[in-house]
Amino acid sequence: MRADLAEYLEDLARYRMPFGKYQYRYLDELPLEYLQWFVNKGGGFPPGRLGELMAFVCSIKTDGAELIFGPLKQSRPQRKKPTGRRHGPF
């Protein structure tokens, strides 16, 4: 079990959503409502490792154990926040 958890977390550190509204977001950053949509209306999670990881994230978030994702977020490069300034002549 512990090895499985480590493997899931290792994969979550690099997997991003490949499609849809939240494309390019890390899977652990997907909103719970979006994950639940797959279960309730979307016909289930996608096949393969992506679906397994999405189901894992959904389960963790449903159980309120999101703190487990803390080390993943800390290990990633920080995103640049938009400054609101526009570049160029316009």
N, C-alpha and C. Protein backbone atom coordinates (compact mmCIF):
# COMPACT_ATOMS: atom_id res chain seq x y z
N MET A 1 0.83 -1.20 0.00
CA MET A 1 0.00 0.00 0.00
C MET A 1 0.87 1.26 0.00
N ARG A 2 1.89 1.25 0.84
CA ARG A 2 2.75 2.42 0.94
C ARG A 2 3.50 2.67 -0.38
N ALA A 3 3.93 1.60 -1.02
CA ALA A 3 4.61 1.74 -2.31
C ALA A 3 3.65 2.28 -3.36
N ASP A 4 2.38 1.83 -3.31
CA ASP A 4 1.38 2.34 -4.25
C ASP A 4 1.16 3.83 -4.05
N LEU A 5 1.06 4.26 -2.80
CA LEU A 5 0.86 5.67 -2.50
C LEU A 5 2.03 6.49 -3.01
N ALA A 6 3.23 6.03 -2.77
CA ALA A 6 4.41 6.74 -3.25
C ALA A 6 4.42 6.83 -4.77
N GLU A 7 4.00 5.76 -5.43
CA GLU A 7 3.95 5.75 -6.89
C GLU A 7 2.90 6.74 -7.41
N TYR A 8 1.73 6.76 -6.77
CA TYR A 8 0.69 7.72 -7.16
C TYR A 8 1.20 9.15 -7.00
N LEU A 9 1.80 9.44 -5.86
CA LEU A 9 2.27 10.80 -5.61
C LEU A 9 3.39 11.19 -6.56
N GLU A 10 4.25 10.25 -6.88
CA GLU A 10 5.33 10.52 -7.84
C GLU A 10 4.75 10.87 -9.21
N ASP A 11 3.76 10.11 -9.64
CA ASP A 11 3.12 10.39 -10.93
C ASP A 11 2.35 11.71 -10.89
N LEU A 12 1.67 11.99 -9.77
CA LEU A 12 0.91 13.23 -9.66
C LEU A 12 1.81 14.46 -9.71
N ALA A 13 3.05 14.31 -9.32
CA ALA A 13 3.98 15.43 -9.34
C ALA A 13 4.22 15.94 -10.75
N ARG A 14 3.98 15.08 -11.76
CA ARG A 14 4.28 15.50 -13.13
C ARG A 14 3.11 15.42 -14.10
N TYR A 15 2.06 14.67 -13.77
CA TYR A 15 0.92 14.54 -14.69
C TYR A 15 0.10 15.83 -14.72
N ARG A 16 -0.28 16.22 -15.93
CA ARG A 16 -1.17 17.37 -16.12
C ARG A 16 -2.40 16.93 -16.89
N MET A 17 -3.47 17.66 -16.72
CA MET A 17 -4.70 17.37 -17.43
C MET A 17 -4.46 17.63 -18.92
N PRO A 18 -4.65 16.63 -19.78
CA PRO A 18 -4.32 16.79 -21.19
C PRO A 18 -5.41 17.42 -22.05
N PHE A 19 -6.59 17.65 -21.49
CA PHE A 19 -7.70 18.18 -22.30
C PHE A 19 -8.70 18.91 -21.42
N GLY A 20 -9.63 19.59 -22.09
CA GLY A 20 -10.77 20.18 -21.39
C GLY A 20 -10.51 21.54 -20.77
N LYS A 21 -11.46 21.93 -19.95
CA LYS A 21 -11.46 23.24 -19.31
C LYS A 21 -10.20 23.49 -18.48
N TYR A 22 -9.67 22.46 -17.87
CA TYR A 22 -8.52 22.60 -16.99
C TYR A 22 -7.24 22.02 -17.61
N GLN A 23 -7.17 22.07 -18.94
CA GLN A 23 -6.00 21.56 -19.65
C GLN A 23 -4.73 22.21 -19.10
N TYR A 24 -3.69 21.42 -18.94
CA TYR A 24 -2.36 21.79 -18.47
C TYR A 24 -2.26 21.97 -16.96
N ARG A 25 -3.35 21.86 -16.22
CA ARG A 25 -3.26 21.93 -14.76
C ARG A 25 -2.80 20.59 -14.22
N TYR A 26 -2.04 20.64 -13.13
CA TYR A 26 -1.69 19.40 -12.45
C TYR A 26 -2.97 18.76 -11.93
N LEU A 27 -3.01 17.43 -11.95
CA LEU A 27 -4.23 16.71 -11.59
C LEU A 27 -4.68 17.00 -10.16
N ASP A 28 -3.74 17.20 -9.25
CA ASP A 28 -4.14 17.48 -7.87
C ASP A 28 -4.69 18.89 -7.71
N GLU A 29 -4.58 19.72 -8.74
CA GLU A 29 -5.14 21.07 -8.70
C GLU A 29 -6.54 21.15 -9.31
N LEU A 30 -7.04 20.03 -9.83
CA LEU A 30 -8.38 20.03 -10.41
C LEU A 30 -9.42 20.19 -9.31
N PRO A 31 -10.45 21.00 -9.54
CA PRO A 31 -11.51 21.16 -8.54
C PRO A 31 -12.27 19.85 -8.34
N LEU A 32 -12.68 19.61 -7.11
CA LEU A 32 -13.43 18.40 -6.79
C LEU A 32 -14.70 18.31 -7.64
N GLU A 33 -15.37 19.42 -7.86
CA GLU A 33 -16.61 19.42 -8.65
C GLU A 33 -16.36 18.92 -10.07
N TYR A 34 -15.22 19.27 -10.63
CA TYR A 34 -14.87 18.81 -11.98
C TYR A 34 -14.64 17.30 -11.98
N LEU A 35 -13.93 16.81 -10.98
CA LEU A 35 -13.68 15.37 -10.87
C LEU A 35 -14.99 14.61 -10.66
N GLN A 36 -15.87 15.15 -9.84
CA GLN A 36 -17.15 14.50 -9.58
C GLN A 36 -18.03 14.49 -10.82
N TRP A 37 -17.87 15.48 -11.69
CA TRP A 37 -18.63 15.50 -12.94
C TRP A 37 -18.33 14.25 -13.76
N PHE A 38 -17.07 13.86 -13.82
CA PHE A 38 -16.70 12.65 -14.57
C PHE A 38 -17.44 11.44 -14.02
N VAL A 39 -17.56 11.36 -12.71
CA VAL A 39 -18.22 10.22 -12.08
C VAL A 39 -19.73 10.27 -12.32
N ASN A 40 -20.33 11.43 -12.13
CA ASN A 40 -21.79 11.55 -12.16
C ASN A 40 -22.39 11.69 -13.55
N LYS A 41 -21.74 12.44 -14.43
CA LYS A 41 -22.36 12.73 -15.72
C LYS A 41 -21.48 12.41 -16.91
N GLY A 42 -20.21 12.30 -16.68
CA GLY A 42 -19.28 12.13 -17.79
C GLY A 42 -19.01 10.69 -18.19
N GLY A 43 -19.67 9.73 -17.55
CA GLY A 43 -19.46 8.33 -17.90
C GLY A 43 -18.24 7.70 -17.26
N GLY A 44 -17.67 8.36 -16.27
CA GLY A 44 -16.50 7.81 -15.58
C GLY A 44 -15.21 8.48 -16.02
N PHE A 45 -14.16 8.13 -15.34
CA PHE A 45 -12.85 8.70 -15.65
C PHE A 45 -12.30 8.07 -16.92
N PRO A 46 -11.38 8.78 -17.59
CA PRO A 46 -10.77 8.23 -18.80
C PRO A 46 -10.04 6.92 -18.48
N PRO A 47 -9.84 6.09 -19.49
CA PRO A 47 -9.12 4.83 -19.26
C PRO A 47 -7.64 5.07 -19.01
N GLY A 48 -6.99 4.09 -18.44
CA GLY A 48 -5.55 4.13 -18.26
C GLY A 48 -5.10 4.86 -17.01
N ARG A 49 -3.82 5.20 -17.03
CA ARG A 49 -3.20 5.82 -15.85
C ARG A 49 -3.83 7.16 -15.52
N LEU A 50 -4.20 7.94 -16.53
CA LEU A 50 -4.84 9.22 -16.28
C LEU A 50 -6.09 9.04 -15.44
N GLY A 51 -6.94 8.11 -15.82
CA GLY A 51 -8.17 7.85 -15.08
C GLY A 51 -7.90 7.36 -13.67
N GLU A 52 -6.89 6.51 -13.51
CA GLU A 52 -6.53 6.02 -12.17
C GLU A 52 -6.12 7.17 -11.27
N LEU A 53 -5.29 8.07 -11.81
CA LEU A 53 -4.82 9.20 -11.01
C LEU A 53 -5.95 10.17 -10.70
N MET A 54 -6.83 10.40 -11.66
CA MET A 54 -7.97 11.29 -11.41
C MET A 54 -8.88 10.70 -10.33
N ALA A 55 -9.11 9.40 -10.37
CA ALA A 55 -9.93 8.74 -9.35
C ALA A 55 -9.27 8.84 -7.98
N PHE A 56 -7.95 8.70 -7.95
CA PHE A 56 -7.21 8.82 -6.69
C PHE A 56 -7.36 10.23 -6.12
N VAL A 57 -7.18 11.24 -6.96
CA VAL A 57 -7.31 12.63 -6.51
C VAL A 57 -8.73 12.89 -6.02
N CYS A 58 -9.71 12.40 -6.75
CA CYS A 58 -11.11 12.57 -6.36
C CYS A 58 -11.36 11.95 -4.98
N SER A 59 -10.85 10.77 -4.77
CA SER A 59 -11.02 10.08 -3.50
C SER A 59 -10.37 10.85 -2.35
N ILE A 60 -9.16 11.32 -2.57
CA ILE A 60 -8.44 12.08 -1.53
C ILE A 60 -9.19 13.37 -1.21
N LYS A 61 -9.64 14.08 -2.24
CA LYS A 61 -10.35 15.34 -2.01
C LYS A 61 -11.70 15.11 -1.36
N THR A 62 -12.40 14.05 -1.75
CA THR A 62 -13.69 13.72 -1.14
C THR A 62 -13.53 13.42 0.35
N ASP A 63 -12.43 12.76 0.69
CA ASP A 63 -12.16 12.41 2.09
C ASP A 63 -11.59 13.57 2.90
N GLY A 64 -11.32 14.69 2.24
CA GLY A 64 -10.78 15.86 2.93
C GLY A 64 -9.31 15.72 3.33
N ALA A 65 -8.58 14.90 2.61
CA ALA A 65 -7.17 14.63 2.95
C ALA A 65 -6.21 15.33 1.99
N GLU A 66 -6.58 16.51 1.52
CA GLU A 66 -5.79 17.22 0.51
C GLU A 66 -4.40 17.63 0.99
N LEU A 67 -4.17 17.62 2.28
CA LEU A 67 -2.84 17.97 2.79
C LEU A 67 -1.75 17.05 2.24
N ILE A 68 -2.16 15.88 1.82
CA ILE A 68 -1.19 14.93 1.25
C ILE A 68 -0.54 15.49 -0.02
N PHE A 69 -1.21 16.44 -0.66
CA PHE A 69 -0.68 17.04 -1.88
C PHE A 69 0.29 18.19 -1.61
N GLY A 70 0.40 18.63 -0.37
CA GLY A 70 1.25 19.76 -0.02
C GLY A 70 2.68 19.66 -0.52
N PRO A 71 3.37 18.54 -0.25
CA PRO A 71 4.75 18.43 -0.74
C PRO A 71 4.86 18.50 -2.26
N LEU A 72 3.84 18.03 -2.98
CA LEU A 72 3.88 18.12 -4.45
C LEU A 72 3.89 19.57 -4.89
N LYS A 73 3.02 20.36 -4.29
CA LYS A 73 2.90 21.76 -4.68
C LYS A 73 4.17 22.53 -4.34
N GLN A 74 4.79 22.19 -3.22
CA GLN A 74 6.01 22.88 -2.81
C GLN A 74 7.19 22.53 -3.71
N SER A 75 7.17 21.36 -4.31
CA SER A 75 8.30 20.92 -5.14
C SER A 75 8.23 21.46 -6.57
N ARG A 76 7.11 22.05 -6.93
CA ARG A 76 6.95 22.56 -8.30
C ARG A 76 7.42 24.00 -8.41
N PRO A 77 7.85 24.39 -9.61
CA PRO A 77 8.20 25.80 -9.80
C PRO A 77 6.96 26.67 -9.62
N GLN A 78 7.16 27.82 -9.04
CA GLN A 78 6.05 28.75 -8.82
C GLN A 78 5.62 29.35 -10.15
N ARG A 79 4.31 29.46 -10.31
CA ARG A 79 3.78 30.11 -11.52
C ARG A 79 3.93 31.61 -11.39
N LYS A 80 4.17 32.23 -12.51
CA LYS A 80 4.21 33.69 -12.51
C LYS A 80 2.78 34.21 -12.50
N LYS A 81 2.53 35.15 -11.64
CA LYS A 81 1.20 35.75 -11.59
C LYS A 81 1.15 36.90 -12.59
N PRO A 82 0.02 37.04 -13.29
CA PRO A 82 -0.08 38.14 -14.25
C PRO A 82 0.00 39.49 -13.54
N THR A 83 0.70 40.42 -14.16
CA THR A 83 0.86 41.73 -13.55
C THR A 83 -0.24 42.69 -13.95
N GLY A 84 -0.97 42.35 -14.98
CA GLY A 84 -2.01 43.25 -15.46
C GLY A 84 -1.48 44.27 -16.45
N ARG A 85 -0.17 44.32 -16.63
CA ARG A 85 0.41 45.27 -17.58
C ARG A 85 0.43 44.66 -18.96
N ARG A 86 0.15 45.47 -19.92
CA ARG A 86 0.19 45.02 -21.30
C ARG A 86 1.50 45.48 -21.92
N HIS A 87 2.01 44.67 -22.80
CA HIS A 87 3.24 45.01 -23.50
C HIS A 87 2.89 45.35 -24.94
N GLY A 88 3.61 46.27 -25.47
CA GLY A 88 3.39 46.64 -26.86
C GLY A 88 2.72 47.99 -26.98
N PRO A 89 2.47 48.42 -28.21
CA PRO A 89 1.95 49.77 -28.46
C PRO A 89 0.47 49.95 -28.15
N PHE A 90 -0.27 48.90 -27.86
CA PHE A 90 -1.71 49.04 -27.69
C PHE A 90 -2.08 49.14 -26.26
